[in-house]
Amino acid sequence: VIWAVLLGVLLTGLAVMVGMDMGVGSMLRFVGRNDAERRVALNIIG
């Protein structure tokens, strides 16, 4: 039971932390309209 709960904790950590980076990558072309703005977005999660 403990490891079933810990599995949920690890999957949540993955979703929050990795998902955050994935989200920035997904919207990179849209939040950054030029190269400098896109580099700013990449350096935020870099």
All heavy atoms as atom14 arrays in JSON, in Angstrom:
{
  "sequence": "VIWAVLLGVLLTGLAVMVGMDMGVGSMLRFVGRNDAERRVALNIIG",
  "atom14_mask": [
    [1, 1, 1, 1, 1, 1, 1, 0, 0, 0, 0, 0, 0, 0],
    [1, 1, 1, 1, 1, 1, 1, 1, 0, 0, 0, 0, 0, 0],
    [1, 1, 1, 1, 1, 1, 1, 1, 1, 1, 1, 1, 1, 1],
    [1, 1, 1, 1, 1, 0, 0, 0, 0, 0, 0, 0, 0, 0],
    [1, 1, 1, 1, 1, 1, 1, 0, 0, 0, 0, 0, 0, 0],
    [1, 1, 1, 1, 1, 1, 1, 1, 0, 0, 0, 0, 0, 0],
    [1, 1, 1, 1, 1, 1, 1, 1, 0, 0, 0, 0, 0, 0],
    [1, 1, 1, 1, 0, 0, 0, 0, 0, 0, 0, 0, 0, 0],
    [1, 1, 1, 1, 1, 1, 1, 0, 0, 0, 0, 0, 0, 0],
    [1, 1, 1, 1, 1, 1, 1, 1, 0, 0, 0, 0, 0, 0],
    [1, 1, 1, 1, 1, 1, 1, 1, 0, 0, 0, 0, 0, 0],
    [1, 1, 1, 1, 1, 1, 1, 0, 0, 0, 0, 0, 0, 0],
    [1, 1, 1, 1, 0, 0, 0, 0, 0, 0, 0, 0, 0, 0],
    [1, 1, 1, 1, 1, 1, 1, 1, 0, 0, 0, 0, 0, 0],
    [1, 1, 1, 1, 1, 0, 0, 0, 0, 0, 0, 0, 0, 0],
    [1, 1, 1, 1, 1, 1, 1, 0, 0, 0, 0, 0, 0, 0],
    [1, 1, 1, 1, 1, 1, 1, 1, 0, 0, 0, 0, 0, 0],
    [1, 1, 1, 1, 1, 1, 1, 0, 0, 0, 0, 0, 0, 0],
    [1, 1, 1, 1, 0, 0, 0, 0, 0, 0, 0, 0, 0, 0],
    [1, 1, 1, 1, 1, 1, 1, 1, 0, 0, 0, 0, 0, 0],
    [1, 1, 1, 1, 1, 1, 1, 1, 0, 0, 0, 0, 0, 0],
    [1, 1, 1, 1, 1, 1, 1, 1, 0, 0, 0, 0, 0, 0],
    [1, 1, 1, 1, 0, 0, 0, 0, 0, 0, 0, 0, 0, 0],
    [1, 1, 1, 1, 1, 1, 1, 0, 0, 0, 0, 0, 0, 0],
    [1, 1, 1, 1, 0, 0, 0, 0, 0, 0, 0, 0, 0, 0],
    [1, 1, 1, 1, 1, 1, 0, 0, 0, 0, 0, 0, 0, 0],
    [1, 1, 1, 1, 1, 1, 1, 1, 0, 0, 0, 0, 0, 0],
    [1, 1, 1, 1, 1, 1, 1, 1, 0, 0, 0, 0, 0, 0],
    [1, 1, 1, 1, 1, 1, 1, 1, 1, 1, 1, 0, 0, 0],
    [1, 1, 1, 1, 1, 1, 1, 1, 1, 1, 1, 0, 0, 0],
    [1, 1, 1, 1, 1, 1, 1, 0, 0, 0, 0, 0, 0, 0],
    [1, 1, 1, 1, 0, 0, 0, 0, 0, 0, 0, 0, 0, 0],
    [1, 1, 1, 1, 1, 1, 1, 1, 1, 1, 1, 0, 0, 0],
    [1, 1, 1, 1, 1, 1, 1, 1, 0, 0, 0, 0, 0, 0],
    [1, 1, 1, 1, 1, 1, 1, 1, 0, 0, 0, 0, 0, 0],
    [1, 1, 1, 1, 1, 0, 0, 0, 0, 0, 0, 0, 0, 0],
    [1, 1, 1, 1, 1, 1, 1, 1, 1, 0, 0, 0, 0, 0],
    [1, 1, 1, 1, 1, 1, 1, 1, 1, 1, 1, 0, 0, 0],
    [1, 1, 1, 1, 1, 1, 1, 1, 1, 1, 1, 0, 0, 0],
    [1, 1, 1, 1, 1, 1, 1, 0, 0, 0, 0, 0, 0, 0],
    [1, 1, 1, 1, 1, 0, 0, 0, 0, 0, 0, 0, 0, 0],
    [1, 1, 1, 1, 1, 1, 1, 1, 0, 0, 0, 0, 0, 0],
    [1, 1, 1, 1, 1, 1, 1, 1, 0, 0, 0, 0, 0, 0],
    [1, 1, 1, 1, 1, 1, 1, 1, 0, 0, 0, 0, 0, 0],
    [1, 1, 1, 1, 1, 1, 1, 1, 0, 0, 0, 0, 0, 0],
    [1, 1, 1, 1, 0, 0, 0, 0, 0, 0, 0, 0, 0, 0]
  ],
  "atom14_positions": [
    [[0.84, -1.2, 0.0], [0.0, 0.0, 0.0], [0.87, 1.25, 0.0], [0.61, 2.22, -0.73], [-0.95, 0.0, 1.21], [-1.72, 1.31, 1.29], [-1.92, -1.18, 1.12], [0.0, 0.0, 0.0], [0.0, 0.0, 0.0], [0.0, 0.0, 0.0], [0.0, 0.0, 0.0], [0.0, 0.0, 0.0], [0.0, 0.0, 0.0], [0.0, 0.0, 0.0]],
    [[1.92, 1.25, 0.81], [2.82, 2.4, 0.88], [3.43, 2.68, -0.49], [3.5, 3.84, -0.93], [3.92, 2.17, 1.93], [3.33, 2.22, 3.33], [5.03, 3.2, 1.78], [4.29, 1.79, 4.42], [0.0, 0.0, 0.0], [0.0, 0.0, 0.0], [0.0, 0.0, 0.0], [0.0, 0.0, 0.0], [0.0, 0.0, 0.0], [0.0, 0.0, 0.0]],
    [[3.85, 1.63, -1.2], [4.47, 1.86, -2.49], [3.46, 2.24, -3.57], [3.82, 2.94, -4.53], [5.29, 0.63, -2.92], [6.69, 0.8, -2.44], [7.29, 0.19, -1.37], [7.66, 1.71, -2.96], [8.56, 0.65, -1.21], [8.82, 1.59, -2.18], [7.66, 2.61, -4.02], [9.97, 2.33, -2.42], [8.81, 3.36, -4.27], [9.94, 3.23, -3.47]],
    [[2.22, 1.84, -3.39], [1.19, 2.32, -4.31], [1.02, 3.84, -4.15], [0.89, 4.58, -5.13], [-0.14, 1.61, -4.04], [0.0, 0.0, 0.0], [0.0, 0.0, 0.0], [0.0, 0.0, 0.0], [0.0, 0.0, 0.0], [0.0, 0.0, 0.0], [0.0, 0.0, 0.0], [0.0, 0.0, 0.0], [0.0, 0.0, 0.0], [0.0, 0.0, 0.0]],
    [[1.06, 4.32, -2.89], [0.96, 5.75, -2.63], [2.21, 6.48, -3.14], [2.12, 7.54, -3.78], [0.76, 6.02, -1.13], [0.78, 7.51, -0.83], [-0.56, 5.42, -0.66], [0.0, 0.0, 0.0], [0.0, 0.0, 0.0], [0.0, 0.0, 0.0], [0.0, 0.0, 0.0], [0.0, 0.0, 0.0], [0.0, 0.0, 0.0], [0.0, 0.0, 0.0]],
    [[3.39, 5.9, -2.86], [4.64, 6.53, -3.32], [4.72, 6.59, -4.83], [5.27, 7.54, -5.4], [5.83, 5.76, -2.76], [6.13, 5.96, -1.27], [7.31, 5.09, -0.84], [6.42, 7.43, -0.96], [0.0, 0.0, 0.0], [0.0, 0.0, 0.0], [0.0, 0.0, 0.0], [0.0, 0.0, 0.0], [0.0, 0.0, 0.0], [0.0, 0.0, 0.0]],
    [[4.17, 5.59, -5.51], [4.13, 5.64, -6.97], [3.32, 6.85, -7.44], [3.72, 7.55, -8.38], [3.52, 4.35, -7.53], [3.39, 4.27, -9.05], [4.76, 4.38, -9.72], [2.69, 2.97, -9.45], [0.0, 0.0, 0.0], [0.0, 0.0, 0.0], [0.0, 0.0, 0.0], [0.0, 0.0, 0.0], [0.0, 0.0, 0.0], [0.0, 0.0, 0.0]],
    [[2.2, 7.11, -6.76], [1.41, 8.3, -7.08], [2.18, 9.58, -6.84], [2.11, 10.53, -7.62], [0.0, 0.0, 0.0], [0.0, 0.0, 0.0], [0.0, 0.0, 0.0], [0.0, 0.0, 0.0], [0.0, 0.0, 0.0], [0.0, 0.0, 0.0], [0.0, 0.0, 0.0], [0.0, 0.0, 0.0], [0.0, 0.0, 0.0], [0.0, 0.0, 0.0]],
    [[2.97, 9.6, -5.75], [3.79, 10.78, -5.44], [4.83, 11.02, -6.53], [5.03, 12.15, -7.0], [4.47, 10.61, -4.07], [5.48, 11.73, -3.83], [3.44, 10.58, -2.96], [0.0, 0.0, 0.0], [0.0, 0.0, 0.0], [0.0, 0.0, 0.0], [0.0, 0.0, 0.0], [0.0, 0.0, 0.0], [0.0, 0.0, 0.0], [0.0, 0.0, 0.0]],
    [[5.49, 9.96, -6.97], [6.52, 10.08, -8.0], [5.91, 10.49, -9.34], [6.49, 11.32, -10.06], [7.28, 8.77, -8.14], [8.13, 8.38, -6.93], [8.72, 6.98, -7.11], [9.24, 9.39, -6.68], [0.0, 0.0, 0.0], [0.0, 0.0, 0.0], [0.0, 0.0, 0.0], [0.0, 0.0, 0.0], [0.0, 0.0, 0.0], [0.0, 0.0, 0.0]],
    [[4.77, 9.93, -9.68], [4.11, 10.32, -10.93], [3.65, 11.77, -10.89], [3.65, 12.48, -11.89], [2.92, 9.39, -11.21], [3.27, 7.94, -11.57], [2.0, 7.11, -11.7], [4.07, 7.89, -12.86], [0.0, 0.0, 0.0], [0.0, 0.0, 0.0], [0.0, 0.0, 0.0], [0.0, 0.0, 0.0], [0.0, 0.0, 0.0], [0.0, 0.0, 0.0]],
    [[3.26, 12.23, -9.69], [2.88, 13.64, -9.53], [4.09, 14.55, -9.68], [4.02, 15.59, -10.34], [2.21, 13.86, -8.16], [1.06, 13.01, -8.05], [1.77, 15.31, -8.01], [0.0, 0.0, 0.0], [0.0, 0.0, 0.0], [0.0, 0.0, 0.0], [0.0, 0.0, 0.0], [0.0, 0.0, 0.0], [0.0, 0.0, 0.0], [0.0, 0.0, 0.0]],
    [[5.2, 14.17, -9.04], [6.42, 14.97, -9.18], [6.85, 15.06, -10.63], [7.27, 16.13, -11.1], [0.0, 0.0, 0.0], [0.0, 0.0, 0.0], [0.0, 0.0, 0.0], [0.0, 0.0, 0.0], [0.0, 0.0, 0.0], [0.0, 0.0, 0.0], [0.0, 0.0, 0.0], [0.0, 0.0, 0.0], [0.0, 0.0, 0.0], [0.0, 0.0, 0.0]],
    [[6.74, 13.95, -11.36], [7.07, 13.95, -12.78], [6.16, 14.9, -13.55], [6.62, 15.7, -14.38], [6.94, 12.52, -13.31], [7.43, 12.19, -14.73], [7.66, 10.69, -14.85], [6.45, 12.63, -15.8], [0.0, 0.0, 0.0], [0.0, 0.0, 0.0], [0.0, 0.0, 0.0], [0.0, 0.0, 0.0], [0.0, 0.0, 0.0], [0.0, 0.0, 0.0]],
    [[4.86, 14.82, -13.26], [3.9, 15.65, -13.99], [4.13, 17.13, -13.73], [4.07, 17.95, -14.66], [2.47, 15.26, -13.59], [0.0, 0.0, 0.0], [0.0, 0.0, 0.0], [0.0, 0.0, 0.0], [0.0, 0.0, 0.0], [0.0, 0.0, 0.0], [0.0, 0.0, 0.0], [0.0, 0.0, 0.0], [0.0, 0.0, 0.0], [0.0, 0.0, 0.0]],
    [[4.41, 17.49, -12.48], [4.58, 18.9, -12.13], [5.88, 19.45, -12.69], [5.89, 20.48, -13.39], [4.54, 19.08, -10.6], [4.88, 20.52, -10.22], [3.17, 18.71, -10.05], [0.0, 0.0, 0.0], [0.0, 0.0, 0.0], [0.0, 0.0, 0.0], [0.0, 0.0, 0.0], [0.0, 0.0, 0.0], [0.0, 0.0, 0.0], [0.0, 0.0, 0.0]],
    [[6.99, 18.79, -12.42], [8.3, 19.34, -12.77], [8.63, 19.15, -14.25], [9.01, 20.1, -14.94], [9.38, 18.7, -11.89], [9.13, 18.84, -10.4], [8.86, 20.56, -9.86], [10.46, 21.27, -10.21], [0.0, 0.0, 0.0], [0.0, 0.0, 0.0], [0.0, 0.0, 0.0], [0.0, 0.0, 0.0], [0.0, 0.0, 0.0], [0.0, 0.0, 0.0]],
    [[8.5, 17.92, -14.75], [8.77, 17.69, -16.17], [7.68, 18.34, -17.02], [7.95, 18.91, -18.07], [8.88, 16.18, -16.47], [9.11, 15.95, -17.95], [10.01, 15.57, -15.65], [0.0, 0.0, 0.0], [0.0, 0.0, 0.0], [0.0, 0.0, 0.0], [0.0, 0.0, 0.0], [0.0, 0.0, 0.0], [0.0, 0.0, 0.0], [0.0, 0.0, 0.0]],
    [[6.42, 18.25, -16.55], [5.31, 18.87, -17.29], [5.48, 20.36, -17.46], [5.11, 20.93, -18.5], [0.0, 0.0, 0.0], [0.0, 0.0, 0.0], [0.0, 0.0, 0.0], [0.0, 0.0, 0.0], [0.0, 0.0, 0.0], [0.0, 0.0, 0.0], [0.0, 0.0, 0.0], [0.0, 0.0, 0.0], [0.0, 0.0, 0.0], [0.0, 0.0, 0.0]],
    [[6.05, 21.02, -16.46], [6.31, 22.46, -16.56], [7.26, 22.76, -17.71], [7.0, 23.65, -18.54], [6.89, 22.97, -15.24], [7.36, 24.4, -15.25], [8.11, 24.84, -13.66], [9.59, 23.81, -13.69], [0.0, 0.0, 0.0], [0.0, 0.0, 0.0], [0.0, 0.0, 0.0], [0.0, 0.0, 0.0], [0.0, 0.0, 0.0], [0.0, 0.0, 0.0]],
    [[8.34, 22.01, -17.79], [9.3, 22.22, -18.88], [8.69, 21.89, -20.24], [8.92, 22.58, -21.23], [10.53, 21.34, -18.66], [11.26, 21.68, -17.37], [11.12, 22.82, -16.9], [11.97, 20.81, -16.84], [0.0, 0.0, 0.0], [0.0, 0.0, 0.0], [0.0, 0.0, 0.0], [0.0, 0.0, 0.0], [0.0, 0.0, 0.0], [0.0, 0.0, 0.0]],
    [[7.91, 20.8, -20.28], [7.25, 20.42, -21.53], [6.28, 21.5, -21.98], [6.15, 21.78, -23.18], [6.5, 19.1, -21.34], [7.37, 17.92, -20.98], [8.41, 17.37, -22.34], [9.06, 15.84, -21.66], [0.0, 0.0, 0.0], [0.0, 0.0, 0.0], [0.0, 0.0, 0.0], [0.0, 0.0, 0.0], [0.0, 0.0, 0.0], [0.0, 0.0, 0.0]],
    [[5.6, 22.1, -21.01], [4.65, 23.16, -21.36], [5.33, 24.35, -21.98], [4.84, 24.92, -22.96], [0.0, 0.0, 0.0], [0.0, 0.0, 0.0], [0.0, 0.0, 0.0], [0.0, 0.0, 0.0], [0.0, 0.0, 0.0], [0.0, 0.0, 0.0], [0.0, 0.0, 0.0], [0.0, 0.0, 0.0], [0.0, 0.0, 0.0], [0.0, 0.0, 0.0]],
    [[6.48, 24.74, -21.42], [7.24, 25.86, -22.01], [7.68, 25.51, -23.42], [7.59, 26.34, -24.34], [8.45, 26.22, -21.12], [9.32, 27.26, -21.81], [7.98, 26.74, -19.77], [0.0, 0.0, 0.0], [0.0, 0.0, 0.0], [0.0, 0.0, 0.0], [0.0, 0.0, 0.0], [0.0, 0.0, 0.0], [0.0, 0.0, 0.0], [0.0, 0.0, 0.0]],
    [[8.17, 24.28, -23.62], [8.57, 23.87, -24.96], [7.42, 23.87, -25.94], [7.57, 24.28, -27.11], [0.0, 0.0, 0.0], [0.0, 0.0, 0.0], [0.0, 0.0, 0.0], [0.0, 0.0, 0.0], [0.0, 0.0, 0.0], [0.0, 0.0, 0.0], [0.0, 0.0, 0.0], [0.0, 0.0, 0.0], [0.0, 0.0, 0.0], [0.0, 0.0, 0.0]],
    [[6.25, 23.45, -25.48], [5.07, 23.39, -26.36], [4.63, 24.77, -26.84], [4.15, 24.93, -27.96], [3.91, 22.69, -25.64], [4.25, 21.37, -25.26], [0.0, 0.0, 0.0], [0.0, 0.0, 0.0], [0.0, 0.0, 0.0], [0.0, 0.0, 0.0], [0.0, 0.0, 0.0], [0.0, 0.0, 0.0], [0.0, 0.0, 0.0], [0.0, 0.0, 0.0]],
    [[4.77, 25.77, -25.96], [4.28, 27.11, -26.31], [5.39, 28.04, -26.77], [5.15, 29.23, -27.01], [3.55, 27.72, -25.11], [4.45, 28.07, -23.94], [3.59, 28.84, -22.54], [2.92, 27.4, -21.72], [0.0, 0.0, 0.0], [0.0, 0.0, 0.0], [0.0, 0.0, 0.0], [0.0, 0.0, 0.0], [0.0, 0.0, 0.0], [0.0, 0.0, 0.0]],
    [[6.62, 27.51, -26.9], [7.78, 28.36, -27.19], [7.58, 29.23, -28.42], [7.87, 30.44, -28.4], [9.02, 27.48, -27.37], [10.32, 28.22, -27.71], [10.74, 29.12, -26.55], [11.43, 27.22, -28.03], [0.0, 0.0, 0.0], [0.0, 0.0, 0.0], [0.0, 0.0, 0.0], [0.0, 0.0, 0.0], [0.0, 0.0, 0.0], [0.0, 0.0, 0.0]],
    [[7.07, 28.67, -29.5], [6.92, 29.42, -30.75], [5.83, 30.48, -30.65], [5.75, 31.36, -31.51], [6.6, 28.46, -31.89], [7.75, 27.55, -32.3], [7.4, 26.75, -33.54], [7.08, 27.62, -34.66], [7.98, 28.14, -35.5], [9.26, 27.87, -35.33], [7.61, 28.91, -36.49], [0.0, 0.0, 0.0], [0.0, 0.0, 0.0], [0.0, 0.0, 0.0]],
    [[5.0, 30.39, -29.63], [3.86, 31.29, -29.53], [4.06, 32.39, -28.48], [3.58, 33.51, -28.67], [2.59, 30.49, -29.22], [2.4, 29.32, -30.16], [2.69, 28.04, -29.75], [1.96, 29.53, -31.47], [2.53, 26.95, -30.62], [1.81, 28.46, -32.34], [2.09, 27.17, -31.91], [0.0, 0.0, 0.0], [0.0, 0.0, 0.0], [0.0, 0.0, 0.0]],
    [[4.75, 32.07, -27.39], [5.04, 33.12, -26.41], [6.23, 33.96, -26.85], [6.38, 35.1, -26.42], [5.31, 32.53, -25.0], [4.07, 31.87, -24.46], [6.48, 31.56, -25.02], [0.0, 0.0, 0.0], [0.0, 0.0, 0.0], [0.0, 0.0, 0.0], [0.0, 0.0, 0.0], [0.0, 0.0, 0.0], [0.0, 0.0, 0.0], [0.0, 0.0, 0.0]],
    [[7.08, 33.38, -27.7], [8.21, 34.13, -28.25], [7.98, 34.39, -29.72], [7.91, 33.46, -30.52], [0.0, 0.0, 0.0], [0.0, 0.0, 0.0], [0.0, 0.0, 0.0], [0.0, 0.0, 0.0], [0.0, 0.0, 0.0], [0.0, 0.0, 0.0], [0.0, 0.0, 0.0], [0.0, 0.0, 0.0], [0.0, 0.0, 0.0], [0.0, 0.0, 0.0]],
    [[7.89, 35.65, -30.1], [7.62, 36.0, -31.51], [8.9, 36.26, -32.29], [8.85, 36.43, -33.5], [6.72, 37.26, -31.54], [5.41, 37.08, -30.8], [4.49, 36.11, -31.49], [3.31, 35.81, -30.68], [2.22, 36.59, -30.6], [2.18, 37.73, -31.28], [1.2, 36.24, -29.84], [0.0, 0.0, 0.0], [0.0, 0.0, 0.0], [0.0, 0.0, 0.0]],
    [[10.02, 36.3, -31.6], [11.31, 36.46, -32.29], [12.35, 35.65, -31.54], [12.08, 35.06, -30.48], [11.72, 37.94, -32.4], [11.75, 38.63, -31.04], [12.39, 38.15, -30.1], [11.07, 39.77, -30.93], [0.0, 0.0, 0.0], [0.0, 0.0, 0.0], [0.0, 0.0, 0.0], [0.0, 0.0, 0.0], [0.0, 0.0, 0.0], [0.0, 0.0, 0.0]],
    [[13.56, 35.6, -32.07], [14.59, 34.74, -31.5], [14.96, 35.15, -30.08], [15.15, 34.28, -29.21], [15.84, 34.79, -32.39], [16.95, 33.89, -31.87], [16.75, 32.66, -31.86], [18.0, 34.42, -31.45], [0.0, 0.0, 0.0], [0.0, 0.0, 0.0], [0.0, 0.0, 0.0], [0.0, 0.0, 0.0], [0.0, 0.0, 0.0], [0.0, 0.0, 0.0]],
    [[15.06, 36.43, -29.82], [15.45, 36.88, -28.48], [14.41, 36.47, -27.43], [14.76, 36.01, -26.33], [15.63, 38.4, -28.48], [0.0, 0.0, 0.0], [0.0, 0.0, 0.0], [0.0, 0.0, 0.0], [0.0, 0.0, 0.0], [0.0, 0.0, 0.0], [0.0, 0.0, 0.0], [0.0, 0.0, 0.0], [0.0, 0.0, 0.0], [0.0, 0.0, 0.0]],
    [[13.13, 36.63, -27.77], [12.08, 36.26, -26.82], [12.07, 34.76, -26.56], [11.85, 34.31, -25.43], [10.73, 36.72, -27.35], [10.57, 38.24, -27.37], [9.27, 38.69, -27.99], [8.49, 37.83, -28.48], [9.02, 39.91, -28.01], [0.0, 0.0, 0.0], [0.0, 0.0, 0.0], [0.0, 0.0, 0.0], [0.0, 0.0, 0.0], [0.0, 0.0, 0.0]],
    [[12.32, 33.98, -27.6], [12.35, 32.52, -27.41], [13.54, 32.1, -26.57], [13.46, 31.17, -25.77], [12.36, 31.82, -28.77], [11.04, 31.98, -29.52], [11.1, 31.48, -30.94], [9.85, 31.78, -31.64], [9.67, 31.64, -32.95], [10.65, 31.17, -33.71], [8.51, 31.94, -33.49], [0.0, 0.0, 0.0], [0.0, 0.0, 0.0], [0.0, 0.0, 0.0]],
    [[14.65, 32.8, -26.74], [15.82, 32.5, -25.92], [15.56, 32.84, -24.45], [16.05, 32.13, -23.55], [17.04, 33.26, -26.43], [17.59, 32.73, -27.76], [18.9, 33.41, -28.11], [19.92, 33.09, -27.11], [20.97, 33.84, -26.86], [21.15, 34.99, -27.51], [21.86, 33.48, -25.95], [0.0, 0.0, 0.0], [0.0, 0.0, 0.0], [0.0, 0.0, 0.0]],
    [[14.79, 33.87, -24.2], [14.43, 34.19, -22.82], [13.63, 33.05, -22.21], [13.91, 32.59, -21.09], [13.61, 35.51, -22.77], [12.96, 35.68, -21.4], [14.48, 36.7, -23.08], [0.0, 0.0, 0.0], [0.0, 0.0, 0.0], [0.0, 0.0, 0.0], [0.0, 0.0, 0.0], [0.0, 0.0, 0.0], [0.0, 0.0, 0.0], [0.0, 0.0, 0.0]],
    [[12.64, 32.55, -22.95], [11.82, 31.44, -22.45], [12.67, 30.21, -22.18], [12.5, 29.53, -21.15], [10.71, 31.12, -23.46], [0.0, 0.0, 0.0], [0.0, 0.0, 0.0], [0.0, 0.0, 0.0], [0.0, 0.0, 0.0], [0.0, 0.0, 0.0], [0.0, 0.0, 0.0], [0.0, 0.0, 0.0], [0.0, 0.0, 0.0], [0.0, 0.0, 0.0]],
    [[13.6, 29.91, -23.07], [14.45, 28.74, -22.89], [15.39, 28.91, -21.7], [15.68, 27.95, -20.98], [15.27, 28.47, -24.15], [14.48, 27.98, -25.37], [15.4, 27.85, -26.58], [13.82, 26.64, -25.07], [0.0, 0.0, 0.0], [0.0, 0.0, 0.0], [0.0, 0.0, 0.0], [0.0, 0.0, 0.0], [0.0, 0.0, 0.0], [0.0, 0.0, 0.0]],
    [[15.88, 30.13, -21.47], [16.77, 30.37, -20.34], [16.03, 30.37, -19.01], [16.66, 30.24, -17.96], [17.53, 31.68, -20.53], [18.76, 31.52, -21.4], [19.84, 31.24, -20.91], [18.59, 31.66, -22.71], [0.0, 0.0, 0.0], [0.0, 0.0, 0.0], [0.0, 0.0, 0.0], [0.0, 0.0, 0.0], [0.0, 0.0, 0.0], [0.0, 0.0, 0.0]],
    [[14.73, 30.53, -19.03], [13.95, 30.43, -17.8], [13.95, 29.0, -17.27], [14.08, 28.75, -16.07], [12.52, 30.96, -18.02], [12.55, 32.48, -18.16], [11.59, 30.54, -16.88], [11.22, 33.1, -18.52], [0.0, 0.0, 0.0], [0.0, 0.0, 0.0], [0.0, 0.0, 0.0], [0.0, 0.0, 0.0], [0.0, 0.0, 0.0], [0.0, 0.0, 0.0]],
    [[13.81, 28.03, -18.18], [13.8, 26.63, -17.76], [15.16, 25.95, -17.97], [15.38, 24.83, -17.5], [12.72, 25.82, -18.49], [12.96, 25.83, -20.02], [11.33, 26.33, -18.15], [12.07, 24.88, -20.77], [0.0, 0.0, 0.0], [0.0, 0.0, 0.0], [0.0, 0.0, 0.0], [0.0, 0.0, 0.0], [0.0, 0.0, 0.0], [0.0, 0.0, 0.0]],
    [[16.07, 26.63, -18.67], [17.35, 26.04, -19.0], [18.14, 25.5, -17.81], [18.7, 24.4, -17.88], [0.0, 0.0, 0.0], [0.0, 0.0, 0.0], [0.0, 0.0, 0.0], [0.0, 0.0, 0.0], [0.0, 0.0, 0.0], [0.0, 0.0, 0.0], [0.0, 0.0, 0.0], [0.0, 0.0, 0.0], [0.0, 0.0, 0.0], [0.0, 0.0, 0.0]]
  ]
}
